[in-house]
PDB file of N, CA and C in Angstrom:
ATOM      1  N   UNK A   1      20.900 174.538 113.675  1.00  0.00           N
ATOM      2  CA  UNK A   1      21.235 175.457 112.605  1.00  0.00           C
ATOM      3  C   UNK A   1      22.313 176.440 113.050  1.00  0.00           C
ATOM      4  N   UNK A   2      22.369 176.829 114.301  1.00  0.00           N
ATOM      5  CA  UNK A   2      23.316 177.838 114.747  1.00  0.00           C
ATOM      6  C   UNK A   2      24.662 177.245 115.165  1.00  0.00           C
ATOM      7  N   UNK A   3      24.796 175.947 115.200  1.00  0.00           N
ATOM      8  CA  UNK A   3      26.058 175.314 115.576  1.00  0.00           C
ATOM      9  C   UNK A   3      27.119 175.336 114.473  1.00  0.00           C
ATOM     10  N   UNK A   4      26.767 175.166 113.203  1.00  0.00           N
ATOM     11  CA  UNK A   4      27.816 175.125 112.164  1.00  0.00           C
ATOM     12  C   UNK A   4      28.652 176.400 112.162  1.00  0.00           C
ATOM     13  N   UNK A   5      29.929 176.219 111.848  1.00  0.00           N
ATOM     14  CA  UNK A   5      30.856 177.353 111.902  1.00  0.00           C
ATOM     15  C   UNK A   5      30.880 178.157 110.612  1.00  0.00           C
ATOM     16  N   UNK A   6      30.504 177.526 109.495  1.00  0.00           N
ATOM     17  CA  UNK A   6      30.512 178.246 108.217  1.00  0.00           C
ATOM     18  C   UNK A   6      29.110 178.237 107.629  1.00  0.00           C
ATOM     19  N   UNK A   7      28.908 179.127 106.670  1.00  0.00           N
ATOM     20  CA  UNK A   7      27.622 179.226 106.006  1.00  0.00           C
ATOM     21  C   UNK A   7      27.343 177.983 105.160  1.00  0.00           C
ATOM     22  N   UNK A   8      28.373 177.413 104.555  1.00  0.00           N
ATOM     23  CA  UNK A   8      28.165 176.201 103.755  1.00  0.00           C
ATOM     24  C   UNK A   8      27.779 175.017 104.645  1.00  0.00           C
ATOM     25  N   UNK A   9      28.340 174.939 105.856  1.00  0.00           N
ATOM     26  CA  UNK A   9      27.927 173.900 106.796  1.00  0.00           C
ATOM     27  C   UNK A   9      26.465 174.084 107.210  1.00  0.00           C
ATOM     28  N   UNK A  10      26.057 175.325 107.394  1.00  0.00           N
ATOM     29  CA  UNK A  10      24.661 175.604 107.742  1.00  0.00           C
ATOM     30  C   UNK A  10      23.745 175.223 106.579  1.00  0.00           C
ATOM     31  N   UNK A  11      24.168 175.509 105.344  1.00  0.00           N
ATOM     32  CA  UNK A  11      23.395 175.111 104.171  1.00  0.00           C
ATOM     33  C   UNK A  11      23.274 173.605 104.067  1.00  0.00           C
ATOM     34  N   UNK A  12      24.373 172.893 104.373  1.00  0.00           N
ATOM     35  CA  UNK A  12      24.327 171.440 104.335  1.00  0.00           C
ATOM     36  C   UNK A  12      23.365 170.915 105.401  1.00  0.00           C
ATOM     37  N   UNK A  13      23.309 171.613 106.525  1.00  0.00           N
ATOM     38  CA  UNK A  13      22.451 171.197 107.621  1.00  0.00           C
ATOM     39  C   UNK A  13      20.972 171.304 107.257  1.00  0.00           C
ATOM     40  N   UNK A  14      20.577 172.364 106.548  1.00  0.00           N
ATOM     41  CA  UNK A  14      19.160 172.557 106.221  1.00  0.00           C
ATOM     42  C   UNK A  14      18.794 172.056 104.822  1.00  0.00           C
ATOM     43  N   UNK A  15      19.739 171.518 104.071  1.00  0.00           N
ATOM     44  CA  UNK A  15      19.436 171.064 102.704  1.00  0.00           C
ATOM     45  C   UNK A  15      18.404 169.938 102.641  1.00  0.00           C
ATOM     46  N   UNK A  16      18.316 169.015 103.602  1.00  0.00           N
ATOM     47  CA  UNK A  16      17.274 167.983 103.519  1.00  0.00           C
ATOM     48  C   UNK A  16      15.871 168.477 103.882  1.00  0.00           C
ATOM     49  N   UNK A  17      15.748 169.707 104.333  1.00  0.00           N
ATOM     50  CA  UNK A  17      14.467 170.210 104.802  1.00  0.00           C
ATOM     51  C   UNK A  17      13.374 170.200 103.722  1.00  0.00           C
ATOM     52  N   UNK A  18      13.604 170.667 102.487  1.00  0.00           N
ATOM     53  CA  UNK A  18      12.530 170.614 101.482  1.00  0.00           C
ATOM     54  C   UNK A  18      12.035 169.195 101.212  1.00  0.00           C
ATOM     55  N   UNK A  19      12.952 168.227 101.168  1.00  0.00           N
ATOM     56  CA  UNK A  19      12.528 166.841 100.947  1.00  0.00           C
ATOM     57  C   UNK A  19      11.702 166.321 102.124  1.00  0.00           C
ATOM     58  N   UNK A  20      12.082 166.698 103.321  1.00  0.00           N
ATOM     59  CA  UNK A  20      11.334 166.264 104.503  1.00  0.00           C
ATOM     60  C   UNK A  20       9.937 166.878 104.518  1.00  0.00           C
ATOM     61  N   UNK A  21       9.828 168.154 104.127  1.00  0.00           N
ATOM     62  CA  UNK A  21       8.521 168.804 104.066  1.00  0.00           C
ATOM     63  C   UNK A  21       7.642 168.176 102.990  1.00  0.00           C
ATOM     64  N   UNK A  22       8.236 167.837 101.836  1.00  0.00           N
ATOM     65  CA  UNK A  22       7.478 167.190 100.764  1.00  0.00           C
ATOM     66  C   UNK A  22       6.990 165.816 101.211  1.00  0.00           C
ATOM     67  N   UNK A  23       7.827 165.076 101.925  1.00  0.00           N
ATOM     68  CA  UNK A  23       7.421 163.760 102.419  1.00  0.00           C
ATOM     69  C   UNK A  23       6.297 163.887 103.440  1.00  0.00           C
ATOM     70  N   UNK A  24       6.380 164.897 104.289  1.00  0.00           N
ATOM     71  CA  UNK A  24       5.325 165.111 105.281  1.00  0.00           C
ATOM     72  C   UNK A  24       4.012 165.481 104.594  1.00  0.00           C
ATOM     73  N   UNK A  25       4.080 166.334 103.574  1.00  0.00           N
ATOM     74  CA  UNK A  25       2.872 166.711 102.838  1.00  0.00           C
ATOM     75  C   UNK A  25       2.281 165.496 102.127  1.00  0.00           C
ATOM     76  N   UNK A  26       3.137 164.633 101.583  1.00  0.00           N
ATOM     77  CA  UNK A  26       2.649 163.408 100.948  1.00  0.00           C
ATOM     78  C   UNK A  26       1.977 162.489 101.951  1.00  0.00           C
ATOM     79  N   UNK A  27       2.518 162.419 103.162  1.00  0.00           N
ATOM     80  CA  UNK A  27       1.907 161.606 104.208  1.00  0.00           C
ATOM     81  C   UNK A  27       0.553 162.134 104.627  1.00  0.00           C
ATOM     82  N   UNK A  28       0.434 163.455 104.735  1.00  0.00           N
ATOM     83  CA  UNK A  28      -0.850 164.062 105.093  1.00  0.00           C
ATOM     84  C   UNK A  28      -1.862 163.798 103.984  1.00  0.00           C
ATOM     85  N   UNK A  29      -1.438 163.962 102.731  1.00  0.00           N
ATOM     86  CA  UNK A  29      -2.315 163.712 101.589  1.00  0.00           C
ATOM     87  C   UNK A  29      -2.786 162.254 101.571  1.00  0.00           C
ATOM     88  N   UNK A  30      -1.869 161.325 101.842  1.00  0.00           N
ATOM     89  CA  UNK A  30      -2.236 159.903 101.860  1.00  0.00           C
ATOM     90  C   UNK A  30      -3.191 159.603 103.008  1.00  0.00           C
ATOM     91  N   UNK A  31      -2.956 160.213 104.166  1.00  0.00           N
ATOM     92  CA  UNK A  31      -3.843 159.981 105.309  1.00  0.00           C
ATOM     93  C   UNK A  31      -5.244 160.520 105.035  1.00  0.00           C
ATOM     94  N   UNK A  32      -5.334 161.686 104.402  1.00  0.00           N
ATOM     95  CA  UNK A  32      -6.642 162.253 104.082  1.00  0.00           C
ATOM     96  C   UNK A  32      -7.374 161.408 103.046  1.00  0.00           C
ATOM     97  N   UNK A  33      -6.664 160.918 102.040  1.00  0.00           N
ATOM     98  CA  UNK A  33      -7.327 160.120 101.013  1.00  0.00           C
ATOM     99  C   UNK A  33      -7.764 158.773 101.561  1.00  0.00           C
ATOM    100  N   UNK A  34      -7.011 158.203 102.489  1.00  0.00           N
ATOM    101  CA  UNK A  34      -7.409 156.916 103.063  1.00  0.00           C
ATOM    102  C   UNK A  34      -8.541 157.072 104.073  1.00  0.00           C
ATOM    103  N   UNK A  35      -8.746 158.281 104.588  1.00  0.00           N
ATOM    104  CA  UNK A  35      -9.833 158.492 105.544  1.00  0.00           C
ATOM    105  C   UNK A  35     -11.182 158.594 104.858  1.00  0.00           C
ATOM    106  N   UNK A  36     -11.182 158.772 103.549  1.00  0.00           N
ATOM    107  CA  UNK A  36     -12.435 158.842 102.809  1.00  0.00           C
ATOM    108  C   UNK A  36     -13.017 160.230 102.717  1.00  0.00           C
ATOM    109  N   UNK A  37     -12.280 161.252 103.130  1.00  0.00           N
ATOM    110  CA  UNK A  37     -12.786 162.618 103.041  1.00  0.00           C
ATOM    111  C   UNK A  37     -12.838 163.053 101.587  1.00  0.00           C
ATOM    112  N   UNK A  38     -13.986 163.556 101.166  1.00  0.00           N
ATOM    113  CA  UNK A  38     -14.096 164.089  99.820  1.00  0.00           C
ATOM    114  C   UNK A  38     -13.540 165.508  99.805  1.00  0.00           C
ATOM    115  N   UNK A  39     -13.395 166.064  98.630  1.00  0.00           N
ATOM    116  CA  UNK A  39     -12.881 167.427  98.523  1.00  0.00           C
ATOM    117  C   UNK A  39     -13.772 168.434  99.218  1.00  0.00           C
ATOM    118  N   UNK A  40     -15.097 168.255  99.099  1.00  0.00           N
ATOM    119  CA  UNK A  40     -16.037 169.172  99.734  1.00  0.00           C
ATOM    120  C   UNK A  40     -15.943 169.088 101.250  1.00  0.00           C
ATOM    121  N   UNK A  41     -15.835 167.873 101.768  1.00  0.00           N
ATOM    122  CA  UNK A  41     -15.729 167.713 103.217  1.00  0.00           C
ATOM    123  C   UNK A  41     -14.435 168.318 103.731  1.00  0.00           C
ATOM    124  N   UNK A  42     -13.363 168.155 102.976  1.00  0.00           N
ATOM    125  CA  UNK A  42     -12.085 168.723 103.387  1.00  0.00           C
ATOM    126  C   UNK A  42     -12.146 170.244 103.405  1.00  0.00           C
ATOM    127  N   UNK A  43     -12.741 170.846 102.378  1.00  0.00           N
ATOM    128  CA  UNK A  43     -12.851 172.305 102.342  1.00  0.00           C
ATOM    129  C   UNK A  43     -13.769 172.813 103.447  1.00  0.00           C
ATOM    130  N   UNK A  44     -14.820 172.070 103.743  1.00  0.00           N
ATOM    131  CA  UNK A  44     -15.706 172.465 104.841  1.00  0.00           C
ATOM    132  C   UNK A  44     -14.968 172.410 106.167  1.00  0.00           C
ATOM    133  N   UNK A  45     -14.167 171.369 106.343  1.00  0.00           N
ATOM    134  CA  UNK A  45     -13.391 171.238 107.569  1.00  0.00           C
ATOM    135  C   UNK A  45     -12.371 172.372 107.689  1.00  0.00           C
ATOM    136  N   UNK A  46     -11.699 172.707 106.597  1.00  0.00           N
ATOM    137  CA  UNK A  46     -10.724 173.795 106.630  1.00  0.00           C
ATOM    138  C   UNK A  46     -11.398 175.150 106.879  1.00  0.00           C
ATOM    139  N   UNK A  47     -12.583 175.350 106.296  1.00  0.00           N
ATOM    140  CA  UNK A  47     -13.317 176.599 106.529  1.00  0.00           C
ATOM    141  C   UNK A  47     -13.740 176.699 107.988  1.00  0.00           C
ATOM    142  N   UNK A  48     -14.171 175.590 108.570  1.00  0.00           N
ATOM    143  CA  UNK A  48     -14.546 175.587 109.982  1.00  0.00           C
ATOM    144  C   UNK A  48     -13.350 175.904 110.861  1.00  0.00           C
ATOM    145  N   UNK A  49     -12.218 175.330 110.530  1.00  0.00           N
ATOM    146  CA  UNK A  49     -10.991 175.630 111.261  1.00  0.00           C
ATOM    147  C   UNK A  49     -10.625 177.106 111.123  1.00  0.00           C
ATOM    148  N   UNK A  50     -10.798 177.660 109.931  1.00  0.00           N
ATOM    149  CA  UNK A  50     -10.537 179.085 109.723  1.00  0.00           C
ATOM    150  C   UNK A  50     -11.450 179.964 110.555  1.00  0.00           C
ATOM    151  N   UNK A  51     -12.722 179.566 110.671  1.00  0.00           N
ATOM    152  CA  UNK A  51     -13.653 180.329 111.508  1.00  0.00           C
ATOM    153  C   UNK A  51     -13.254 180.291 112.980  1.00  0.00           C
ATOM    154  N   UNK A  52     -12.798 179.134 113.443  1.00  0.00           N
ATOM    155  CA  UNK A  52     -12.340 179.045 114.829  1.00  0.00           C
ATOM    156  C   UNK A  52     -11.116 179.916 115.081  1.00  0.00           C
ATOM    157  N   UNK A  53     -10.207 179.934 114.130  1.00  0.00           N
ATOM    158  CA  UNK A  53      -9.017 180.781 114.260  1.00  0.00           C
ATOM    159  C   UNK A  53      -9.410 182.252 114.229  1.00  0.00           C
ATOM    160  N   UNK A  54     -10.357 182.612 113.353  1.00  0.00           N
ATOM    161  CA  UNK A  54     -10.823 184.003 113.290  1.00  0.00           C
ATOM    162  C   UNK A  54     -11.507 184.410 114.602  1.00  0.00           C
ATOM    163  N   UNK A  55     -12.266 183.497 115.181  1.00  0.00           N
ATOM    164  CA  UNK A  55     -12.925 183.784 116.461  1.00  0.00           C
ATOM    165  C   UNK A  55     -11.885 184.035 117.545  1.00  0.00           C
ATOM    166  N   UNK A  56     -10.861 183.189 117.605  1.00  0.00           N
ATOM    167  CA  UNK A  56      -9.809 183.372 118.607  1.00  0.00           C
ATOM    168  C   UNK A  56      -9.046 184.680 118.387  1.00  0.00           C
ATOM    169  N   UNK A  57      -8.801 185.015 117.119  1.00  0.00           N
ATOM    170  CA  UNK A  57      -8.104 186.269 116.827  1.00  0.00           C
ATOM    171  C   UNK A  57      -8.958 187.469 117.223  1.00  0.00           C
ATOM    172  N   UNK A  58     -10.253 187.405 116.938  1.00  0.00           N
ATOM    173  CA  UNK A  58     -11.146 188.498 117.326  1.00  0.00           C
ATOM    174  C   UNK A  58     -11.201 188.630 118.841  1.00  0.00           C
ATOM    175  N   UNK A  59     -11.194 187.502 119.527  1.00  0.00           N
ATOM    176  CA  UNK A  59     -11.215 187.538 120.988  1.00  0.00           C
ATOM    177  C   UNK A  59      -9.934 188.130 121.550  1.00  0.00           C
ATOM    178  N   UNK A  60      -8.811 187.833 120.914  1.00  0.00           N
ATOM    179  CA  UNK A  60      -7.528 188.340 121.399  1.00  0.00           C
ATOM    180  C   UNK A  60      -7.386 189.844 121.159  1.00  0.00           C
ATOM    181  N   UNK A  61      -7.892 190.337 120.022  1.00  0.00           N
ATOM    182  CA  UNK A  61      -7.668 191.733 119.671  1.00  0.00           C
ATOM    183  C   UNK A  61      -8.837 192.660 120.007  1.00  0.00           C
ATOM    184  N   UNK A  62     -10.072 192.144 120.028  1.00  0.00           N
ATOM    185  CA  UNK A  62     -11.237 193.014 120.200  1.00  0.00           C
ATOM    186  C   UNK A  62     -12.034 192.725 121.456  1.00  0.00           C
ATOM    187  N   UNK A  63     -11.615 191.765 122.239  1.00  0.00           N
ATOM    188  CA  UNK A  63     -12.395 191.399 123.408  1.00  0.00           C
ATOM    189  C   UNK A  63     -13.397 190.305 123.058  1.00  0.00           C
ATOM    190  N   UNK A  64     -14.540 190.324 123.655  1.00  0.00           N
ATOM    191  CA  UNK A  64     -15.559 189.307 123.452  1.00  0.00           C
ATOM    192  C   UNK A  64     -16.202 189.466 122.070  1.00  0.00           C
ATOM    193  N   UNK A  65     -16.048 188.491 121.171  1.00  0.00           N
ATOM    194  CA  UNK A  65     -16.641 188.606 119.826  1.00  0.00           C
ATOM    195  C   UNK A  65     -18.167 188.632 119.845  1.00  0.00           C
ATOM    196  N   UNK A  66     -18.788 187.970 120.805  1.00  0.00           N
ATOM    197  CA  UNK A  66     -20.251 187.975 120.889  1.00  0.00           C
ATOM    198  C   UNK A  66     -20.749 189.377 121.235  1.00  0.00           C
ATOM    199  N   UNK A  67     -20.099 190.039 122.178  1.00  0.00           N
ATOM    200  CA  UNK A  67     -20.479 191.411 122.531  1.00  0.00           C
ATOM    201  C   UNK A  67     -20.225 192.348 121.357  1.00  0.00           C
ATOM    202  N   UNK A  68     -19.148 192.121 120.635  1.00  0.00           N
ATOM    203  CA  UNK A  68     -18.856 192.928 119.442  1.00  0.00           C
ATOM    204  C   UNK A  68     -19.938 192.728 118.395  1.00  0.00           C
ATOM    205  N   UNK A  69     -20.391 191.503 118.217  1.00  0.00           N
ATOM    206  CA  UNK A  69     -21.454 191.208 117.258  1.00  0.00           C
ATOM    207  C   UNK A  69     -22.760 191.864 117.675  1.00  0.00           C
ATOM    208  N   UNK A  70     -23.065 191.866 118.966  1.00  0.00           N
ATOM    209  CA  UNK A  70     -24.307 192.470 119.441  1.00  0.00           C
ATOM    210  C   UNK A  70     -24.308 193.985 119.264  1.00  0.00           C
ATOM    211  N   UNK A  71     -23.140 194.597 119.265  1.00  0.00           N
ATOM    212  CA  UNK A  71     -23.042 196.044 119.060  1.00  0.00           C
ATOM    213  C   UNK A  71     -23.054 196.438 117.593  1.00  0.00           C
ATOM    214  N   UNK A  72     -22.884 195.462 116.684  1.00  0.00           N
ATOM    215  CA  UNK A  72     -22.826 195.781 115.260  1.00  0.00           C
ATOM    216  C   UNK A  72     -24.230 196.002 114.706  1.00  0.00           C
ATOM    217  N   UNK A  73     -24.282 196.458 113.464  1.00  0.00           N
ATOM    218  CA  UNK A  73     -25.558 196.744 112.818  1.00  0.00           C
ATOM    219  C   UNK A  73     -26.312 195.449 112.516  1.00  0.00           C
ATOM    220  N   UNK A  74     -27.623 195.577 112.372  1.00  0.00           N
ATOM    221  CA  UNK A  74     -28.486 194.406 112.158  1.00  0.00           C
ATOM    222  C   UNK A  74     -28.107 193.603 110.902  1.00  0.00           C
ATOM    223  N   UNK A  75     -27.822 194.221 109.751  1.00  0.00           N
ATOM    224  CA  UNK A  75     -27.463 193.402 108.575  1.00  0.00           C
ATOM    225  C   UNK A  75     -26.203 192.561 108.798  1.00  0.00           C
ATOM    226  N   UNK A  76     -25.246 193.102 109.523  1.00  0.00           N
ATOM    227  CA  UNK A  76     -24.020 192.360 109.808  1.00  0.00           C
ATOM    228  C   UNK A  76     -24.337 191.176 110.713  1.00  0.00           C
ATOM    229  N   UNK A  77     -25.136 191.413 111.748  1.00  0.00           N
ATOM    230  CA  UNK A  77     -25.502 190.332 112.674  1.00  0.00           C
ATOM    231  C   UNK A  77     -26.229 189.212 111.953  1.00  0.00           C
ATOM    232  N   UNK A  78     -27.225 189.569 111.146  1.00  0.00           N
ATOM    233  CA  UNK A  78     -28.021 188.533 110.479  1.00  0.00           C
ATOM    234  C   UNK A  78     -27.228 187.814 109.403  1.00  0.00           C
ATOM    235  N   UNK A  79     -26.357 188.499 108.723  1.00  0.00           N
ATOM    236  CA  UNK A  79     -25.512 187.842 107.726  1.00  0.00           C
ATOM    237  C   UNK A  79     -24.607 186.821 108.379  1.00  0.00           C
ATOM    238  N   UNK A  80     -24.020 187.190 109.500  1.00  0.00           N
ATOM    239  CA  UNK A  80     -23.153 186.256 110.210  1.00  0.00           C
ATOM    240  C   UNK A  80     -23.942 185.078 110.770  1.00  0.00           C
ATOM    241  N   UNK A  81     -25.124 185.342 111.285  1.00  0.00           N
ATOM    242  CA  UNK A  81     -25.952 184.249 111.812  1.00  0.00           C
ATOM    243  C   UNK A  81     -26.329 183.259 110.708  1.00  0.00           C
ATOM    244  N   UNK A  82     -26.725 183.781 109.546  1.00  0.00           N
ATOM    245  CA  UNK A  82     -27.061 182.900 108.430  1.00  0.00           C
ATOM    246  C   UNK A  82     -25.839 182.142 107.927  1.00  0.00           C
ATOM    247  N   UNK A  83     -24.693 182.779 107.936  1.00  0.00           N
ATOM    248  CA  UNK A  83     -23.463 182.100 107.497  1.00  0.00           C
ATOM    249  C   UNK A  83     -23.111 180.952 108.436  1.00  0.00           C
ATOM    250  N   UNK A  84     -23.276 181.150 109.722  1.00  0.00           N
ATOM    251  CA  UNK A  84     -22.991 180.083 110.689  1.00  0.00           C
ATOM    252  C   UNK A  84     -23.983 178.933 110.507  1.00  0.00           C
ATOM    253  N   UNK A  85     -25.250 179.248 110.325  1.00  0.00           N
ATOM    254  CA  UNK A  85     -26.258 178.199 110.092  1.00  0.00           C
ATOM    255  C   UNK A  85     -25.952 177.431 108.810  1.00  0.00           C
ATOM    256  N   UNK A  86     -25.569 178.127 107.761  1.00  0.00           N
ATOM    257  CA  UNK A  86     -25.212 177.475 106.505  1.00  0.00           C
ATOM    258  C   UNK A  86     -23.991 176.587 106.681  1.00  0.00           C
ATOM    259  N   UNK A  87     -23.024 177.036 107.453  1.00  0.00           N
ATOM    260  CA  UNK A  87     -21.823 176.235 107.701  1.00  0.00           C
ATOM    261  C   UNK A  87     -22.169 174.961 108.465  1.00  0.00           C
ATOM    262  N   UNK A  88     -23.080 175.056 109.421  1.00  0.00           N
ATOM    263  CA  UNK A  88     -23.489 173.869 110.175  1.00  0.00           C
ATOM    264  C   UNK A  88     -24.194 172.873 109.263  1.00  0.00           C
ATOM    265  N   UNK A  89     -25.084 173.367 108.413  1.00  0.00           N
ATOM    266  CA  UNK A  89     -25.803 172.489 107.489  1.00  0.00           C
ATOM    267  C   UNK A  89     -24.840 171.843 106.501  1.00  0.00           C
ATOM    268  N   UNK A  90     -23.917 172.625 105.945  1.00  0.00           N
ATOM    269  CA  UNK A  90     -22.950 172.064 104.997  1.00  0.00           C
ATOM    270  C   UNK A  90     -22.051 171.041 105.663  1.00  0.00           C
ATOM    271  N   UNK A  91     -21.674 171.283 106.900  1.00  0.00           N
ATOM    272  CA  UNK A  91     -20.852 170.319 107.615  1.00  0.00           C
ATOM    273  C   UNK A  91     -21.608 169.013 107.824  1.00  0.00           C
ATOM    274  N   UNK A  92     -22.885 169.114 108.126  1.00  0.00           N
ATOM    275  CA  UNK A  92     -23.691 167.910 108.322  1.00  0.00           C
ATOM    276  C   UNK A  92     -23.911 167.161 107.011  1.00  0.00           C
ATOM    277  N   UNK A  93     -24.005 167.886 105.904  1.00  0.00           N
ATOM    278  CA  UNK A  93     -24.272 167.241 104.621  1.00  0.00           C
ATOM    279  C   UNK A  93     -23.030 166.672 103.956  1.00  0.00           C
ATOM    280  N   UNK A  94     -21.869 167.182 104.267  1.00  0.00           N
ATOM    281  CA  UNK A  94     -20.647 166.710 103.620  1.00  0.00           C
ATOM    282  C   UNK A  94     -19.924 165.758 104.538  1.00  0.00           C
ATOM    283  N   UNK A  95     -20.256 164.510 104.427  1.00  0.00           N
ATOM    284  CA  UNK A  95     -19.592 163.465 105.202  1.00  0.00           C
ATOM    285  C   UNK A  95     -18.899 162.530 104.227  1.00  0.00           C
ATOM    286  N   UNK A  96     -17.916 161.787 104.681  1.00  0.00           N
ATOM    287  CA  UNK A  96     -17.217 160.869 103.786  1.00  0.00           C
ATOM    288  C   UNK A  96     -18.179 159.869 103.145  1.00  0.00           C
ATOM    289  N   UNK A  97     -17.893 159.518 101.903  1.00  0.00           N
ATOM    290  CA  UNK A  97     -18.730 158.581 101.160  1.00  0.00           C
ATOM    291  C   UNK A  97     -18.783 157.235 101.874  1.00  0.00           C
ATOM    292  N   UNK A  98     -19.955 156.645 101.934  1.00  0.00           N
ATOM    293  CA  UNK A  98     -20.103 155.325 102.516  1.00  0.00           C
ATOM    294  C   UNK A  98     -20.143 155.310 104.032  1.00  0.00           C
ATOM    295  N   UNK A  99     -20.000 156.453 104.663  1.00  0.00           N
ATOM    296  CA  UNK A  99     -20.011 156.492 106.122  1.00  0.00           C
ATOM    297  C   UNK A  99     -21.462 156.598 106.593  1.00  0.00           C
ATOM    298  N   UNK A 100     -21.885 155.645 107.368  1.00  0.00           N
ATOM    299  CA  UNK A 100     -23.251 155.638 107.877  1.00  0.00           C
ATOM    300  C   UNK A 100     -23.372 156.638 109.019  1.00  0.00           C
ATOM    301  N   UNK A 101     -24.467 157.336 109.024  1.00  0.00           N
ATOM    302  CA  UNK A 101     -24.731 158.283 110.103  1.00  0.00           C
ATOM    303  C   UNK A 101     -25.784 157.656 110.999  1.00  0.00           C
ATOM    304  N   UNK A 102     -25.390 157.287 112.194  1.00  0.00           N
ATOM    305  CA  UNK A 102     -26.304 156.678 113.142  1.00  0.00           C
ATOM    306  C   UNK A 102     -26.841 157.758 114.078  1.00  0.00           C
ATOM    307  N   UNK A 103     -27.954 157.439 114.681  1.00  0.00           N
ATOM    308  CA  UNK A 103     -28.510 158.326 115.679  1.00  0.00           C
ATOM    309  C   UNK A 103     -27.503 158.464 116.817  1.00  0.00           C
ATOM    310  N   UNK A 104     -27.362 159.647 117.346  1.00  0.00           N
ATOM    311  CA  UNK A 104     -26.300 159.928 118.300  1.00  0.00           C
ATOM    312  C   UNK A 104     -26.398 159.057 119.569  1.00  0.00           C
ATOM    313  N   UNK A 105     -27.620 158.703 119.985  1.00  0.00           N
ATOM    314  CA  UNK A 105     -27.789 157.882 121.187  1.00  0.00           C
ATOM    315  C   UNK A 105     -28.145 156.439 120.836  1.00  0.00           C
ATOM    316  N   UNK A 106     -27.664 155.951 119.687  1.00  0.00           N
ATOM    317  CA  UNK A 106     -28.033 154.630 119.190  1.00  0.00           C
ATOM    318  C   UNK A 106     -27.687 153.515 120.184  1.00  0.00           C
ATOM    319  N   UNK A 107     -26.517 153.578 120.816  1.00  0.00           N
ATOM    320  CA  UNK A 107     -26.092 152.522 121.722  1.00  0.00           C
ATOM    321  C   UNK A 107     -26.213 152.916 123.188  1.00  0.00           C
ATOM    322  N   UNK A 108     -26.955 153.906 123.486  1.00  0.00           N
ATOM    323  CA  UNK A 108     -27.064 154.393 124.859  1.00  0.00           C
ATOM    324  C   UNK A 108     -27.855 153.461 125.723  1.00  0.00           C
TER     325      UNK A 108
END
C-alpha cells in the first residue's frame, strides 16, 4: 500500500480488497454449513470464544481473574459460577445434527 506514488495508484491497489473479504466470508460460511453446525451450536461456540477472550483481557488488565472473583461479593461469584455451569451444559447439548456422541474412552 505504501509503494504507489499517487493516491489513485494506492486506491487501485486496495480496490480488490472488499471483493476478497466477501469471498473469504463466503468461504467461512460454506465451511460452517458443511460442518453441520446449527445456529445454536455456532452461537454457543462464539460465546465460549468471547468468554475466553474476556478471561485473557481480565488477566492482562486486572491480574489473576480467579483471585479477583474470590474478592468479589457473593452474588457476583455465584452468578458467574452458575453462568459457567450453564455454558458447559449448553455446549454439551448443542452438537451438530446427526453427530453421534460416543463415550470418551470408547476405543481405549
